[in-house]
């Protein structure tokens, strides 16, 4: 959390010249996976900086990029993956010198406590106890892409589909 807070403070500081021109509001578009962390950071930041209002917009990284491409006013863009940030950079939608890595993603395997299976690794998902699994949409959500990449590398994607 401290790293995310420090990164948000840095990003807000970079956006301050824009905020001063717009009644001290900073528009932050962030990946939905960052909602809890950024909401907490926003509240803490606003308490310590009463003249600044952080306006947040949470959605999938691709949806946020599409909004930015369409002209949505954004001072800070926090994507959930490098690929989306790379697209934003290619389209010249961000100030290259302001780009910072501030967090890392990791995949986890979660099963219901009452499950009869003992899933400890991706290969265990082929057990009969896991007739249904859920993953993020690989076409629009970074965690879905990561999941597909892992399952394809382990030659499980097609079997689990």
Foldseek 3Di string as FASTA:
>chain_A
DVLVLVLVVLLLVVLQVVCVVVQQEAEEEEEQVCVVVVVVSQVVVCVVPVSHHYHYHYYALVVVLVCLVVPDDHSHYHHQDDVSVVVCVVVVSDDVVSDDDRDHDDDDDDDDPPQPFDDPDPVSCLDPSNLDDDFPDCVTHPRNVVVCVVCVVVPNNVVND
